[in-house]
PDB file of N, CA and C in Angstrom:
ATOM      1  N   MET A   1      75.598 150.475 260.339  1.00  0.00           N
ATOM      2  CA  MET A   1      74.802 150.866 259.188  1.00  0.00           C
ATOM      3  C   MET A   1      75.508 151.989 258.425  1.00  0.00           C
ATOM      4  N   THR A   2      75.614 151.848 257.140  1.00  0.00           N
ATOM      5  CA  THR A   2      76.250 152.845 256.293  1.00  0.00           C
ATOM      6  C   THR A   2      75.230 153.900 255.877  1.00  0.00           C
ATOM      7  N   LEU A   3      75.621 155.164 256.014  1.00  0.00           N
ATOM      8  CA  LEU A   3      74.730 156.250 255.600  1.00  0.00           C
ATOM      9  C   LEU A   3      74.506 156.224 254.095  1.00  0.00           C
ATOM     10  N   GLN A   4      73.283 156.604 253.709  1.00  0.00           N
ATOM     11  CA  GLN A   4      72.923 156.691 252.296  1.00  0.00           C
ATOM     12  C   GLN A   4      72.320 158.063 252.023  1.00  0.00           C
ATOM     13  N   ALA A   5      72.175 158.383 250.746  1.00  0.00           N
ATOM     14  CA  ALA A   5      71.602 159.671 250.345  1.00  0.00           C
ATOM     15  C   ALA A   5      70.258 159.914 251.026  1.00  0.00           C
ATOM     16  N   LYS A   6      69.429 158.890 251.113  1.00  0.00           N
ATOM     17  CA  LYS A   6      68.102 159.045 251.720  1.00  0.00           C
ATOM     18  C   LYS A   6      68.183 159.421 253.198  1.00  0.00           C
ATOM     19  N   ASP A   7      69.317 159.126 253.850  1.00  0.00           N
ATOM     20  CA  ASP A   7      69.482 159.440 255.268  1.00  0.00           C
ATOM     21  C   ASP A   7      69.879 160.891 255.507  1.00  0.00           C
ATOM     22  N   ILE A   8      70.476 161.518 254.527  1.00  0.00           N
ATOM     23  CA  ILE A   8      70.959 162.892 254.723  1.00  0.00           C
ATOM     24  C   ILE A   8      70.178 163.922 253.911  1.00  0.00           C
ATOM     25  N   MET A   9      69.282 163.462 253.046  1.00  0.00           N
ATOM     26  CA  MET A   9      68.533 164.390 252.190  1.00  0.00           C
ATOM     27  C   MET A   9      67.511 165.173 253.001  1.00  0.00           C
ATOM     28  N   GLU A  10      67.149 166.320 252.484  1.00  0.00           N
ATOM     29  CA  GLU A  10      66.029 167.099 253.014  1.00  0.00           C
ATOM     30  C   GLU A  10      64.803 166.642 252.236  1.00  0.00           C
ATOM     31  N   PRO A  11      63.846 165.981 252.911  1.00  0.00           N
ATOM     32  CA  PRO A  11      62.691 165.458 252.178  1.00  0.00           C
ATOM     33  C   PRO A  11      61.686 166.533 251.756  1.00  0.00           C
ATOM     34  N   ARG A  12      61.768 167.689 252.402  1.00  0.00           N
ATOM     35  CA  ARG A  12      60.836 168.774 252.059  1.00  0.00           C
ATOM     36  C   ARG A  12      61.414 169.537 250.873  1.00  0.00           C
ATOM     37  N   VAL A  13      60.918 169.209 249.700  1.00  0.00           N
ATOM     38  CA  VAL A  13      61.400 169.858 248.480  1.00  0.00           C
ATOM     39  C   VAL A  13      60.259 170.690 247.907  1.00  0.00           C
ATOM     40  N   VAL A  14      60.503 171.976 247.747  1.00  0.00           N
ATOM     41  CA  VAL A  14      59.507 172.856 247.146  1.00  0.00           C
ATOM     42  C   VAL A  14      60.027 173.276 245.779  1.00  0.00           C
ATOM     43  N   SER A  15      59.170 173.181 244.788  1.00  0.00           N
ATOM     44  CA  SER A  15      59.583 173.518 243.423  1.00  0.00           C
ATOM     45  C   SER A  15      58.853 174.763 242.949  1.00  0.00           C
ATOM     46  N   VAL A  16      59.345 175.309 241.856  1.00  0.00           N
ATOM     47  CA  VAL A  16      58.752 176.506 241.268  1.00  0.00           C
ATOM     48  C   VAL A  16      58.500 176.260 239.784  1.00  0.00           C
ATOM     49  N   PRO A  17      57.528 176.975 239.207  1.00  0.00           N
ATOM     50  CA  PRO A  17      57.281 176.838 237.768  1.00  0.00           C
ATOM     51  C   PRO A  17      58.273 177.683 236.968  1.00  0.00           C
ATOM     52  N   PRO A  18      58.584 177.264 235.741  1.00  0.00           N
ATOM     53  CA  PRO A  18      59.548 178.015 234.933  1.00  0.00           C
ATOM     54  C   PRO A  18      59.095 179.436 234.608  1.00  0.00           C
ATOM     55  N   GLU A  19      57.791 179.656 234.571  1.00  0.00           N
ATOM     56  CA  GLU A  19      57.287 180.985 234.208  1.00  0.00           C
ATOM     57  C   GLU A  19      57.216 181.957 235.389  1.00  0.00           C
ATOM     58  N   MET A  20      57.641 181.533 236.579  1.00  0.00           N
ATOM     59  CA  MET A  20      57.612 182.419 237.747  1.00  0.00           C
ATOM     60  C   MET A  20      58.532 183.618 237.498  1.00  0.00           C
ATOM     61  N   PRO A  21      58.030 184.842 237.725  1.00  0.00           N
ATOM     62  CA  PRO A  21      58.874 186.030 237.552  1.00  0.00           C
ATOM     63  C   PRO A  21      60.041 186.026 238.546  1.00  0.00           C
ATOM     64  N   LEU A  22      61.154 186.575 238.120  1.00  0.00           N
ATOM     65  CA  LEU A  22      62.365 186.598 238.932  1.00  0.00           C
ATOM     66  C   LEU A  22      62.126 187.237 240.299  1.00  0.00           C
ATOM     67  N   GLU A  23      61.427 188.347 240.318  1.00  0.00           N
ATOM     68  CA  GLU A  23      61.161 189.051 241.571  1.00  0.00           C
ATOM     69  C   GLU A  23      60.385 188.163 242.542  1.00  0.00           C
ATOM     70  N   GLN A  24      59.410 187.450 242.024  1.00  0.00           N
ATOM     71  CA  GLN A  24      58.614 186.535 242.848  1.00  0.00           C
ATOM     72  C   GLN A  24      59.483 185.371 243.343  1.00  0.00           C
ATOM     73  N   PHE A  25      60.390 184.907 242.504  1.00  0.00           N
ATOM     74  CA  PHE A  25      61.288 183.819 242.890  1.00  0.00           C
ATOM     75  C   PHE A  25      62.192 184.247 244.046  1.00  0.00           C
ATOM     76  N   GLU A  26      62.718 185.464 243.979  1.00  0.00           N
ATOM     77  CA  GLU A  26      63.556 185.975 245.071  1.00  0.00           C
ATOM     78  C   GLU A  26      62.787 185.963 246.386  1.00  0.00           C
ATOM     79  N   GLU A  27      61.550 186.425 246.334  1.00  0.00           N
ATOM     80  CA  GLU A  27      60.702 186.459 247.524  1.00  0.00           C
ATOM     81  C   GLU A  27      60.418 185.040 248.024  1.00  0.00           C
ATOM     82  N   PHE A  28      60.152 184.132 247.099  1.00  0.00           N
ATOM     83  CA  PHE A  28      59.885 182.731 247.428  1.00  0.00           C
ATOM     84  C   PHE A  28      61.063 182.122 248.191  1.00  0.00           C
ATOM     85  N   LEU A  29      62.274 182.334 247.698  1.00  0.00           N
ATOM     86  CA  LEU A  29      63.460 181.792 248.364  1.00  0.00           C
ATOM     87  C   LEU A  29      63.583 182.330 249.783  1.00  0.00           C
ATOM     88  N   SER A  30      63.316 183.608 249.939  1.00  0.00           N
ATOM     89  CA  SER A  30      63.407 184.235 251.251  1.00  0.00           C
ATOM     90  C   SER A  30      62.357 183.667 252.209  1.00  0.00           C
ATOM     91  N   ILE A  31      61.130 183.558 251.749  1.00  0.00           N
ATOM     92  CA  ILE A  31      60.041 183.033 252.584  1.00  0.00           C
ATOM     93  C   ILE A  31      60.299 181.585 252.980  1.00  0.00           C
ATOM     94  N   GLN A  32      60.770 180.792 252.040  1.00  0.00           N
ATOM     95  CA  GLN A  32      61.024 179.366 252.297  1.00  0.00           C
ATOM     96  C   GLN A  32      62.337 179.134 253.057  1.00  0.00           C
ATOM     97  N   ASN A  33      63.150 180.189 253.173  1.00  0.00           N
ATOM     98  CA  ASN A  33      64.459 180.105 253.822  1.00  0.00           C
ATOM     99  C   ASN A  33      65.344 179.038 253.164  1.00  0.00           C
ATOM    100  N   ILE A  34      65.392 179.098 251.832  1.00  0.00           N
ATOM    101  CA  ILE A  34      66.219 178.184 251.045  1.00  0.00           C
ATOM    102  C   ILE A  34      67.032 179.003 250.052  1.00  0.00           C
ATOM    103  N   ASP A  35      68.048 178.398 249.470  1.00  0.00           N
ATOM    104  CA  ASP A  35      68.853 179.147 248.500  1.00  0.00           C
ATOM    105  C   ASP A  35      68.743 178.609 247.083  1.00  0.00           C
ATOM    106  N   GLY A  36      67.846 177.654 246.870  1.00  0.00           N
ATOM    107  CA  GLY A  36      67.622 177.131 245.527  1.00  0.00           C
ATOM    108  C   GLY A  36      66.432 176.194 245.515  1.00  0.00           C
ATOM    109  N   ALA A  37      65.891 175.969 244.318  1.00  0.00           N
ATOM    110  CA  ALA A  37      64.722 175.096 244.197  1.00  0.00           C
ATOM    111  C   ALA A  37      64.673 174.455 242.819  1.00  0.00           C
ATOM    112  N   PRO A  38      64.136 173.237 242.758  1.00  0.00           N
ATOM    113  CA  PRO A  38      63.916 172.611 241.458  1.00  0.00           C
ATOM    114  C   PRO A  38      62.852 173.387 240.680  1.00  0.00           C
ATOM    115  N   VAL A  39      62.962 173.358 239.374  1.00  0.00           N
ATOM    116  CA  VAL A  39      61.980 173.995 238.499  1.00  0.00           C
ATOM    117  C   VAL A  39      61.170 172.871 237.865  1.00  0.00           C
ATOM    118  N   GLN A  40      59.851 172.941 238.068  1.00  0.00           N
ATOM    119  CA  GLN A  40      58.964 171.862 237.621  1.00  0.00           C
ATOM    120  C   GLN A  40      57.951 172.398 236.622  1.00  0.00           C
ATOM    121  N   ASN A  41      57.862 171.748 235.452  1.00  0.00           N
ATOM    122  CA  ASN A  41      56.920 172.207 234.430  1.00  0.00           C
ATOM    123  C   ASN A  41      55.502 171.723 234.733  1.00  0.00           C
ATOM    124  N   ALA A  42      54.556 172.127 233.900  1.00  0.00           N
ATOM    125  CA  ALA A  42      53.144 171.802 234.112  1.00  0.00           C
ATOM    126  C   ALA A  42      52.876 170.302 234.065  1.00  0.00           C
ATOM    127  N   ALA A  43      53.737 169.552 233.388  1.00  0.00           N
ATOM    128  CA  ALA A  43      53.581 168.094 233.307  1.00  0.00           C
ATOM    129  C   ALA A  43      54.142 167.394 234.545  1.00  0.00           C
ATOM    130  N   GLY A  44      54.713 168.163 235.470  1.00  0.00           N
ATOM    131  CA  GLY A  44      55.263 167.587 236.688  1.00  0.00           C
ATOM    132  C   GLY A  44      56.703 167.126 236.575  1.00  0.00           C
ATOM    133  N   GLU A  45      57.352 167.442 235.449  1.00  0.00           N
ATOM    134  CA  GLU A  45      58.734 167.022 235.232  1.00  0.00           C
ATOM    135  C   GLU A  45      59.705 168.106 235.707  1.00  0.00           C
ATOM    136  N   ILE A  46      60.775 167.688 236.357  1.00  0.00           N
ATOM    137  CA  ILE A  46      61.816 168.624 236.774  1.00  0.00           C
ATOM    138  C   ILE A  46      62.636 168.995 235.538  1.00  0.00           C
ATOM    139  N   VAL A  47      62.677 170.289 235.236  1.00  0.00           N
ATOM    140  CA  VAL A  47      63.358 170.756 234.021  1.00  0.00           C
ATOM    141  C   VAL A  47      64.588 171.619 234.315  1.00  0.00           C
ATOM    142  N   GLY A  48      64.824 171.905 235.596  1.00  0.00           N
ATOM    143  CA  GLY A  48      65.970 172.727 235.943  1.00  0.00           C
ATOM    144  C   GLY A  48      66.064 172.946 237.436  1.00  0.00           C
ATOM    145  N   ILE A  49      67.073 173.710 237.809  1.00  0.00           N
ATOM    146  CA  ILE A  49      67.250 174.145 239.193  1.00  0.00           C
ATOM    147  C   ILE A  49      67.627 175.615 239.128  1.00  0.00           C
ATOM    148  N   ALA A  50      67.031 176.410 240.008  1.00  0.00           N
ATOM    149  CA  ALA A  50      67.354 177.838 240.080  1.00  0.00           C
ATOM    150  C   ALA A  50      67.785 178.157 241.507  1.00  0.00           C
ATOM    151  N   SER A  51      68.731 179.077 241.630  1.00  0.00           N
ATOM    152  CA  SER A  51      69.281 179.397 242.945  1.00  0.00           C
ATOM    153  C   SER A  51      69.500 180.898 243.099  1.00  0.00           C
ATOM    154  N   LYS A  52      69.872 181.278 244.322  1.00  0.00           N
ATOM    155  CA  LYS A  52      70.212 182.678 244.576  1.00  0.00           C
ATOM    156  C   LYS A  52      71.372 183.116 243.684  1.00  0.00           C
ATOM    157  N   THR A  53      72.302 182.222 243.452  1.00  0.00           N
ATOM    158  CA  THR A  53      73.428 182.541 242.570  1.00  0.00           C
ATOM    159  C   THR A  53      72.931 182.867 241.169  1.00  0.00           C
ATOM    160  N   ASP A  54      71.943 182.123 240.699  1.00  0.00           N
ATOM    161  CA  ASP A  54      71.368 182.400 239.379  1.00  0.00           C
ATOM    162  C   ASP A  54      70.684 183.764 239.361  1.00  0.00           C
ATOM    163  N   VAL A  55      70.059 184.127 240.475  1.00  0.00           N
ATOM    164  CA  VAL A  55      69.408 185.441 240.572  1.00  0.00           C
ATOM    165  C   VAL A  55      70.461 186.538 240.439  1.00  0.00           C
ATOM    166  N   ILE A  56      71.568 186.364 241.125  1.00  0.00           N
ATOM    167  CA  ILE A  56      72.648 187.357 241.051  1.00  0.00           C
ATOM    168  C   ILE A  56      73.171 187.465 239.618  1.00  0.00           C
ATOM    169  N   ARG A  57      73.347 186.315 238.979  1.00  0.00           N
ATOM    170  CA  ARG A  57      73.808 186.325 237.581  1.00  0.00           C
ATOM    171  C   ARG A  57      72.794 187.004 236.665  1.00  0.00           C
ATOM    172  N   ALA A  58      71.533 186.962 237.047  1.00  0.00           N
ATOM    173  CA  ALA A  58      70.480 187.543 236.210  1.00  0.00           C
ATOM    174  C   ALA A  58      70.600 189.059 236.107  1.00  0.00           C
ATOM    175  N   LEU A  59      71.375 189.649 236.963  1.00  0.00           N
ATOM    176  CA  LEU A  59      71.584 191.096 236.873  1.00  0.00           C
ATOM    177  C   LEU A  59      72.143 191.479 235.510  1.00  0.00           C
ATOM    178  N   ARG A  60      72.755 190.523 234.825  1.00  0.00           N
ATOM    179  CA  ARG A  60      73.288 190.798 233.483  1.00  0.00           C
ATOM    180  C   ARG A  60      72.169 191.179 232.518  1.00  0.00           C
ATOM    181  N   PHE A  61      70.950 190.675 232.758  1.00  0.00           N
ATOM    182  CA  PHE A  61      69.824 191.032 231.900  1.00  0.00           C
ATOM    183  C   PHE A  61      69.543 192.527 231.989  1.00  0.00           C
ATOM    184  N   GLN A  62      69.683 193.067 233.201  1.00  0.00           N
ATOM    185  CA  GLN A  62      69.432 194.493 233.381  1.00  0.00           C
ATOM    186  C   GLN A  62      70.433 195.317 232.586  1.00  0.00           C
ATOM    187  N   SER A  63      71.683 194.872 232.571  1.00  0.00           N
ATOM    188  CA  SER A  63      72.696 195.638 231.846  1.00  0.00           C
ATOM    189  C   SER A  63      72.501 195.546 230.334  1.00  0.00           C
ATOM    190  N   ARG A  64      71.741 194.563 229.876  1.00  0.00           N
ATOM    191  CA  ARG A  64      71.458 194.422 228.442  1.00  0.00           C
ATOM    192  C   ARG A  64      70.164 195.130 228.051  1.00  0.00           C
ATOM    193  N   GLY A  65      69.575 195.822 229.001  1.00  0.00           N
ATOM    194  CA  GLY A  65      68.363 196.554 228.701  1.00  0.00           C
ATOM    195  C   GLY A  65      67.093 195.726 228.783  1.00  0.00           C
ATOM    196  N   VAL A  66      67.193 194.504 229.299  1.00  0.00           N
ATOM    197  CA  VAL A  66      66.002 193.668 229.459  1.00  0.00           C
ATOM    198  C   VAL A  66      65.305 194.078 230.742  1.00  0.00           C
ATOM    199  N   SER A  67      64.020 194.319 230.662  1.00  0.00           N
ATOM    200  CA  SER A  67      63.244 194.724 231.824  1.00  0.00           C
ATOM    201  C   SER A  67      63.211 193.589 232.847  1.00  0.00           C
ATOM    202  N   PRO A  68      63.571 193.871 234.106  1.00  0.00           N
ATOM    203  CA  PRO A  68      63.609 192.825 235.132  1.00  0.00           C
ATOM    204  C   PRO A  68      62.266 192.110 235.315  1.00  0.00           C
ATOM    205  N   GLU A  69      61.174 192.820 235.060  1.00  0.00           N
ATOM    206  CA  GLU A  69      59.844 192.218 235.214  1.00  0.00           C
ATOM    207  C   GLU A  69      59.605 191.102 234.200  1.00  0.00           C
ATOM    208  N   LYS A  70      60.350 191.126 233.109  1.00  0.00           N
ATOM    209  CA  LYS A  70      60.155 190.129 232.054  1.00  0.00           C
ATOM    210  C   LYS A  70      61.036 188.895 232.229  1.00  0.00           C
ATOM    211  N   VAL A  71      61.958 188.941 233.183  1.00  0.00           N
ATOM    212  CA  VAL A  71      62.854 187.809 233.417  1.00  0.00           C
ATOM    213  C   VAL A  71      62.131 186.772 234.275  1.00  0.00           C
ATOM    214  N   THR A  72      62.172 185.519 233.837  1.00  0.00           N
ATOM    215  CA  THR A  72      61.518 184.437 234.577  1.00  0.00           C
ATOM    216  C   THR A  72      62.554 183.429 235.072  1.00  0.00           C
ATOM    217  N   VAL A  73      62.089 182.517 235.892  1.00  0.00           N
ATOM    218  CA  VAL A  73      62.953 181.449 236.385  1.00  0.00           C
ATOM    219  C   VAL A  73      63.546 180.665 235.213  1.00  0.00           C
ATOM    220  N   ALA A  74      62.764 180.441 234.165  1.00  0.00           N
ATOM    221  CA  ALA A  74      63.259 179.708 232.989  1.00  0.00           C
ATOM    222  C   ALA A  74      64.469 180.399 232.364  1.00  0.00           C
ATOM    223  N   ASP A  75      64.527 181.729 232.467  1.00  0.00           N
ATOM    224  CA  ASP A  75      65.638 182.487 231.889  1.00  0.00           C
ATOM    225  C   ASP A  75      66.939 182.316 232.673  1.00  0.00           C
ATOM    226  N   ILE A  76      66.826 182.022 233.965  1.00  0.00           N
ATOM    227  CA  ILE A  76      68.020 181.993 234.819  1.00  0.00           C
ATOM    228  C   ILE A  76      68.408 180.599 235.300  1.00  0.00           C
ATOM    229  N   MET A  77      67.510 179.640 235.169  1.00  0.00           N
ATOM    230  CA  MET A  77      67.753 178.308 235.742  1.00  0.00           C
ATOM    231  C   MET A  77      68.882 177.570 235.030  1.00  0.00           C
ATOM    232  N   THR A  78      69.420 176.609 235.744  1.00  0.00           N
ATOM    233  CA  THR A  78      70.383 175.670 235.182  1.00  0.00           C
ATOM    234  C   THR A  78      69.591 174.443 234.767  1.00  0.00           C
ATOM    235  N   ASP A  79      69.735 174.033 233.520  1.00  0.00           N
ATOM    236  CA  ASP A  79      68.940 172.876 233.089  1.00  0.00           C
ATOM    237  C   ASP A  79      69.672 171.549 233.268  1.00  0.00           C
ATOM    238  N   ASN A  80      70.897 171.610 233.761  1.00  0.00           N
ATOM    239  CA  ASN A  80      71.649 170.391 234.053  1.00  0.00           C
ATOM    240  C   ASN A  80      71.310 169.940 235.472  1.00  0.00           C
ATOM    241  N   VAL A  81      70.240 169.169 235.603  1.00  0.00           N
ATOM    242  CA  VAL A  81      69.800 168.685 236.908  1.00  0.00           C
ATOM    243  C   VAL A  81      70.420 167.312 237.137  1.00  0.00           C
ATOM    244  N   VAL A  82      71.041 167.149 238.286  1.00  0.00           N
ATOM    245  CA  VAL A  82      71.667 165.871 238.612  1.00  0.00           C
ATOM    246  C   VAL A  82      70.812 165.153 239.651  1.00  0.00           C
ATOM    247  N   PHE A  83      70.436 163.930 239.309  1.00  0.00           N
ATOM    248  CA  PHE A  83      69.647 163.086 240.201  1.00  0.00           C
ATOM    249  C   PHE A  83      70.524 161.958 240.713  1.00  0.00           C
ATOM    250  N   VAL A  84      70.311 161.582 241.967  1.00  0.00           N
ATOM    251  CA  VAL A  84      71.037 160.448 242.539  1.00  0.00           C
ATOM    252  C   VAL A  84      70.032 159.459 243.114  1.00  0.00           C
ATOM    253  N   PRO A  85      70.402 158.174 243.142  1.00  0.00           N
ATOM    254  CA  PRO A  85      69.520 157.187 243.759  1.00  0.00           C
ATOM    255  C   PRO A  85      69.572 157.307 245.284  1.00  0.00           C
ATOM    256  N   PRO A  86      68.512 156.911 245.970  1.00  0.00           N
ATOM    257  CA  PRO A  86      68.462 157.041 247.427  1.00  0.00           C
ATOM    258  C   PRO A  86      69.532 156.239 248.166  1.00  0.00           C
ATOM    259  N   ASP A  87      70.074 155.209 247.530  1.00  0.00           N
ATOM    260  CA  ASP A  87      71.045 154.361 248.220  1.00  0.00           C
ATOM    261  C   ASP A  87      72.505 154.752 247.956  1.00  0.00           C
ATOM    262  N   LEU A  88      72.734 155.862 247.274  1.00  0.00           N
ATOM    263  CA  LEU A  88      74.107 156.313 247.021  1.00  0.00           C
ATOM    264  C   LEU A  88      74.729 156.787 248.338  1.00  0.00           C
ATOM    265  N   SER A  89      76.005 156.518 248.547  1.00  0.00           N
ATOM    266  CA  SER A  89      76.667 156.932 249.789  1.00  0.00           C
ATOM    267  C   SER A  89      77.002 158.426 249.744  1.00  0.00           C
ATOM    268  N   PRO A  90      77.075 159.083 250.917  1.00  0.00           N
ATOM    269  CA  PRO A  90      77.451 160.497 250.945  1.00  0.00           C
ATOM    270  C   PRO A  90      78.781 160.797 250.249  1.00  0.00           C
ATOM    271  N   PRO A  91      79.830 159.974 250.415  1.00  0.00           N
ATOM    272  CA  PRO A  91      81.060 160.272 249.670  1.00  0.00           C
ATOM    273  C   PRO A  91      80.858 160.230 248.152  1.00  0.00           C
ATOM    274  N   GLU A  92      80.000 159.321 247.685  1.00  0.00           N
ATOM    275  CA  GLU A  92      79.719 159.254 246.245  1.00  0.00           C
ATOM    276  C   GLU A  92      78.939 160.490 245.789  1.00  0.00           C
ATOM    277  N   VAL A  93      78.020 160.955 246.635  1.00  0.00           N
ATOM    278  CA  VAL A  93      77.270 162.177 246.327  1.00  0.00           C
ATOM    279  C   VAL A  93      78.242 163.351 246.246  1.00  0.00           C
ATOM    280  N   ALA A  94      79.139 163.447 247.233  1.00  0.00           N
ATOM    281  CA  ALA A  94      80.117 164.541 247.257  1.00  0.00           C
ATOM    282  C   ALA A  94      81.007 164.507 246.020  1.00  0.00           C
ATOM    283  N   GLU A  95      81.467 163.332 245.658  1.00  0.00           N
ATOM    284  CA  GLU A  95      82.332 163.185 244.480  1.00  0.00           C
ATOM    285  C   GLU A  95      81.607 163.647 243.217  1.00  0.00           C
ATOM    286  N   LEU A  96      80.351 163.271 243.099  1.00  0.00           N
ATOM    287  CA  LEU A  96      79.541 163.667 241.947  1.00  0.00           C
ATOM    288  C   LEU A  96      79.373 165.186 241.893  1.00  0.00           C
ATOM    289  N   MET A  97      79.102 165.791 243.051  1.00  0.00           N
ATOM    290  CA  MET A  97      78.926 167.241 243.104  1.00  0.00           C
ATOM    291  C   MET A  97      80.221 167.959 242.724  1.00  0.00           C
ATOM    292  N   ILE A  98      81.335 167.446 243.195  1.00  0.00           N
ATOM    293  CA  ILE A  98      82.631 168.043 242.850  1.00  0.00           C
ATOM    294  C   ILE A  98      82.891 167.901 241.353  1.00  0.00           C
ATOM    295  N   ASP A  99      82.692 166.697 240.834  1.00  0.00           N
ATOM    296  CA  ASP A  99      82.928 166.448 239.405  1.00  0.00           C
ATOM    297  C   ASP A  99      82.056 167.322 238.509  1.00  0.00           C
ATOM    298  N   GLN A 100      80.807 167.533 238.923  1.00  0.00           N
ATOM    299  CA  GLN A 100      79.859 168.310 238.119  1.00  0.00           C
ATOM    300  C   GLN A 100      79.934 169.810 238.408  1.00  0.00           C
ATOM    301  N   GLY A 101      80.626 170.195 239.493  1.00  0.00           N
ATOM    302  CA  GLY A 101      80.721 171.608 239.860  1.00  0.00           C
ATOM    303  C   GLY A 101      79.384 172.184 240.293  1.00  0.00           C
ATOM    304  N   ILE A 102      78.630 171.398 241.074  1.00  0.00           N
ATOM    305  CA  ILE A 102      77.291 171.821 241.499  1.00  0.00           C
ATOM    306  C   ILE A 102      77.192 171.837 243.021  1.00  0.00           C
ATOM    307  N   HIS A 103      76.161 172.512 243.523  1.00  0.00           N
ATOM    308  CA  HIS A 103      75.976 172.658 244.965  1.00  0.00           C
ATOM    309  C   HIS A 103      74.800 171.862 245.512  1.00  0.00           C
ATOM    310  N   ARG A 104      74.033 171.239 244.629  1.00  0.00           N
ATOM    311  CA  ARG A 104      72.876 170.459 245.097  1.00  0.00           C
ATOM    312  C   ARG A 104      72.544 169.375 244.096  1.00  0.00           C
ATOM    313  N   VAL A 105      72.015 168.272 244.618  1.00  0.00           N
ATOM    314  CA  VAL A 105      71.514 167.183 243.782  1.00  0.00           C
ATOM    315  C   VAL A 105      70.132 166.810 244.291  1.00  0.00           C
ATOM    316  N   LEU A 106      69.346 166.238 243.407  1.00  0.00           N
ATOM    317  CA  LEU A 106      68.025 165.759 243.794  1.00  0.00           C
ATOM    318  C   LEU A 106      68.081 164.248 243.953  1.00  0.00           C
ATOM    319  N   VAL A 107      67.384 163.759 244.952  1.00  0.00           N
ATOM    320  CA  VAL A 107      67.298 162.322 245.179  1.00  0.00           C
ATOM    321  C   VAL A 107      66.016 161.843 244.514  1.00  0.00           C
ATOM    322  N   GLY A 108      66.145 160.925 243.576  1.00  0.00           N
ATOM    323  CA  GLY A 108      64.992 160.426 242.828  1.00  0.00           C
ATOM    324  C   GLY A 108      65.223 160.572 241.338  1.00  0.00           C
ATOM    325  N   ASP A 109      64.144 160.931 240.620  1.00  0.00           N
ATOM    326  CA  ASP A 109      64.249 161.137 239.175  1.00  0.00           C
ATOM    327  C   ASP A 109      63.344 162.292 238.756  1.00  0.00           C
ATOM    328  N   ARG A 110      63.287 162.577 237.461  1.00  0.00           N
ATOM    329  CA  ARG A 110      62.548 163.748 236.954  1.00  0.00           C
ATOM    330  C   ARG A 110      61.064 163.746 237.304  1.00  0.00           C
ATOM    331  N   GLN A 111      60.477 162.576 237.458  1.00  0.00           N
ATOM    332  CA  GLN A 111      59.053 162.495 237.770  1.00  0.00           C
ATOM    333  C   GLN A 111      58.767 162.371 239.271  1.00  0.00           C
ATOM    334  N   HIS A 112      59.744 161.905 240.041  1.00  0.00           N
ATOM    335  CA  HIS A 112      59.505 161.696 241.471  1.00  0.00           C
ATOM    336  C   HIS A 112      60.738 162.082 242.277  1.00  0.00           C
ATOM    337  N   VAL A 113      60.696 163.270 242.839  1.00  0.00           N
ATOM    338  CA  VAL A 113      61.798 163.754 243.664  1.00  0.00           C
ATOM    339  C   VAL A 113      61.497 163.399 245.115  1.00  0.00           C
ATOM    340  N   ARG A 114      62.398 162.659 245.719  1.00  0.00           N
ATOM    341  CA  ARG A 114      62.225 162.235 247.114  1.00  0.00           C
ATOM    342  C   ARG A 114      62.870 163.207 248.087  1.00  0.00           C
ATOM    343  N   GLY A 115      63.879 163.948 247.612  1.00  0.00           N
ATOM    344  CA  GLY A 115      64.576 164.865 248.494  1.00  0.00           C
ATOM    345  C   GLY A 115      65.652 165.634 247.754  1.00  0.00           C
ATOM    346  N   ILE A 116      66.330 166.485 248.510  1.00  0.00           N
ATOM    347  CA  ILE A 116      67.412 167.292 247.956  1.00  0.00           C
ATOM    348  C   ILE A 116      68.599 167.227 248.917  1.00  0.00           C
ATOM    349  N   ILE A 117      69.785 167.208 248.367  1.00  0.00           N
ATOM    350  CA  ILE A 117      71.012 167.233 249.166  1.00  0.00           C
ATOM    351  C   ILE A 117      71.847 168.405 248.674  1.00  0.00           C
ATOM    352  N   THR A 118      72.262 169.250 249.613  1.00  0.00           N
ATOM    353  CA  THR A 118      73.113 170.384 249.267  1.00  0.00           C
ATOM    354  C   THR A 118      74.526 170.137 249.792  1.00  0.00           C
ATOM    355  N   ALA A 119      75.437 170.956 249.337  1.00  0.00           N
ATOM    356  CA  ALA A 119      76.810 170.864 249.824  1.00  0.00           C
ATOM    357  C   ALA A 119      76.849 171.059 251.337  1.00  0.00           C
ATOM    358  N   PHE A 120      75.973 171.902 251.864  1.00  0.00           N
ATOM    359  CA  PHE A 120      75.927 172.124 253.311  1.00  0.00           C
ATOM    360  C   PHE A 120      75.494 170.869 254.057  1.00  0.00           C
ATOM    361  N   ASP A 121      74.583 170.098 253.470  1.00  0.00           N
ATOM    362  CA  ASP A 121      74.175 168.833 254.097  1.00  0.00           C
ATOM    363  C   ASP A 121      75.377 167.906 254.244  1.00  0.00           C
ATOM    364  N   LEU A 122      76.215 167.876 253.226  1.00  0.00           N
ATOM    365  CA  LEU A 122      77.412 167.030 253.282  1.00  0.00           C
ATOM    366  C   LEU A 122      78.423 167.564 254.292  1.00  0.00           C
ATOM    367  N   LEU A 123      78.553 168.878 254.375  1.00  0.00           N
ATOM    368  CA  LEU A 123      79.482 169.468 255.345  1.00  0.00           C
ATOM    369  C   LEU A 123      79.070 169.157 256.782  1.00  0.00           C
ATOM    370  N   ARG A 124      77.771 169.074 257.026  1.00  0.00           N
ATOM    371  CA  ARG A 124      77.285 168.752 258.377  1.00  0.00           C
ATOM    372  C   ARG A 124      77.783 167.383 258.846  1.00  0.00           C
ATOM    373  N   LEU A 125      78.069 166.502 257.921  1.00  0.00           N
ATOM    374  CA  LEU A 125      78.528 165.157 258.275  1.00  0.00           C
ATOM    375  C   LEU A 125      79.929 165.149 258.872  1.00  0.00           C
ATOM    376  N   VAL A 126      80.712 166.167 258.590  1.00  0.00           N
ATOM    377  CA  VAL A 126      82.079 166.202 259.102  1.00  0.00           C
ATOM    378  C   VAL A 126      82.197 166.975 260.412  1.00  0.00           C
ATOM    379  N   ARG A 127      81.114 167.486 260.893  1.00  0.00           N
ATOM    380  CA  ARG A 127      81.114 168.213 262.164  1.00  0.00           C
ATOM    381  C   ARG A 127      81.318 167.281 263.319  1.00  0.00           C
TER     382      ARG A 127
END
């Protein structure tokens, strides 16, 4: 049997709203023990992905005089969300991540996310 995206994905996907304050998002990541999450709007559509790396980059807002309390997930998220079908092979997922310069992809589509695959999930396959 050939491995597919659905076999290596993490099915437990927790999302955050775009209006979540940055400070709350940092706490959320820590509590959930994850380093990134999809951003889901009120209509249930995935509109971005935010990560710890984005939080670190958000420090630039402080240097511009923007109050950290006013920074939201929408301000720091990446809106280039890459979705893959559940039957894509792990090498194809890896190739896509390399080509796009990203660390995670979502399995499914904007309305129905079945799981998430990170670069670490792919690295586990070579152990």
